[in-house]
Amino acid sequence: MKALKTVAVALGVTLGALIVIPLVILAGLFVWLKLTEESDEESLVLDQEGA
């Protein structure tokens, strides 16, 4: 019975990791894109002013 409980916990942790890890990666990419998007817009504005 204890082995079955251990396998169930391990399966739950594995499934949780398979869901959580990609979501964390996607959230990090989203934040990175938002941060770089703002800096790209600032550099475009500076380029237009210089021309």
Protein backbone atom coordinates (compact mmCIF):
# COMPACT_ATOMS: atom_id res chain seq x y z
CA MET A 1 0.00 0.00 0.00
CA LYS A 2 2.87 2.35 0.84
CA ALA A 3 4.50 1.66 -2.54
CA LEU A 4 1.27 2.49 -4.35
CA LYS A 5 1.01 5.78 -2.47
CA THR A 6 4.64 6.59 -3.34
CA VAL A 7 4.02 5.88 -7.03
CA ALA A 8 0.88 8.04 -6.98
CA VAL A 9 2.76 10.95 -5.38
CA ALA A 10 5.63 10.59 -7.87
CA LEU A 11 3.15 10.54 -10.77
CA GLY A 12 1.40 13.62 -9.43
CA VAL A 13 4.67 15.50 -9.03
CA THR A 14 5.76 14.52 -12.55
CA LEU A 15 2.47 15.63 -14.11
CA GLY A 16 2.61 18.87 -12.13
CA ALA A 17 6.14 19.54 -13.36
CA LEU A 18 5.12 18.83 -16.95
CA ILE A 19 2.44 21.50 -16.65
CA VAL A 20 4.23 24.09 -14.49
CA ILE A 21 7.66 24.17 -16.18
CA PRO A 22 6.40 25.09 -19.69
CA LEU A 23 4.09 27.73 -18.19
CA VAL A 24 7.01 29.29 -16.32
CA ILE A 25 9.09 29.29 -19.52
CA LEU A 26 6.25 30.91 -21.49
CA ALA A 27 5.74 33.53 -18.80
CA GLY A 28 9.46 34.33 -18.84
CA LEU A 29 9.44 34.68 -22.62
CA PHE A 30 6.39 36.93 -22.46
CA VAL A 31 8.05 39.22 -19.91
CA TRP A 32 11.27 39.26 -21.95
CA LEU A 33 9.36 40.17 -25.12
CA LYS A 34 7.51 42.97 -23.34
CA LEU A 35 10.75 44.39 -21.94
CA THR A 36 12.59 44.24 -25.26
CA GLU A 37 9.56 45.60 -27.13
CA GLU A 38 9.66 48.78 -25.05
CA SER A 39 13.38 49.27 -25.64
CA ASP A 40 12.93 48.64 -29.38
CA GLU A 41 10.27 51.35 -29.56
CA GLU A 42 12.54 53.79 -27.74
CA SER A 43 15.40 53.15 -30.16
CA LEU A 44 13.04 53.62 -33.13
CA VAL A 45 11.92 56.97 -31.73
CA LEU A 46 15.53 58.03 -31.27
CA ASP A 47 16.38 56.98 -34.82
CA GLN A 48 13.49 58.98 -36.26
CA GLU A 49 14.47 62.08 -34.31
CA GLY A 50 18.06 61.83 -35.52
CA ALA A 51 17.08 61.58 -39.19
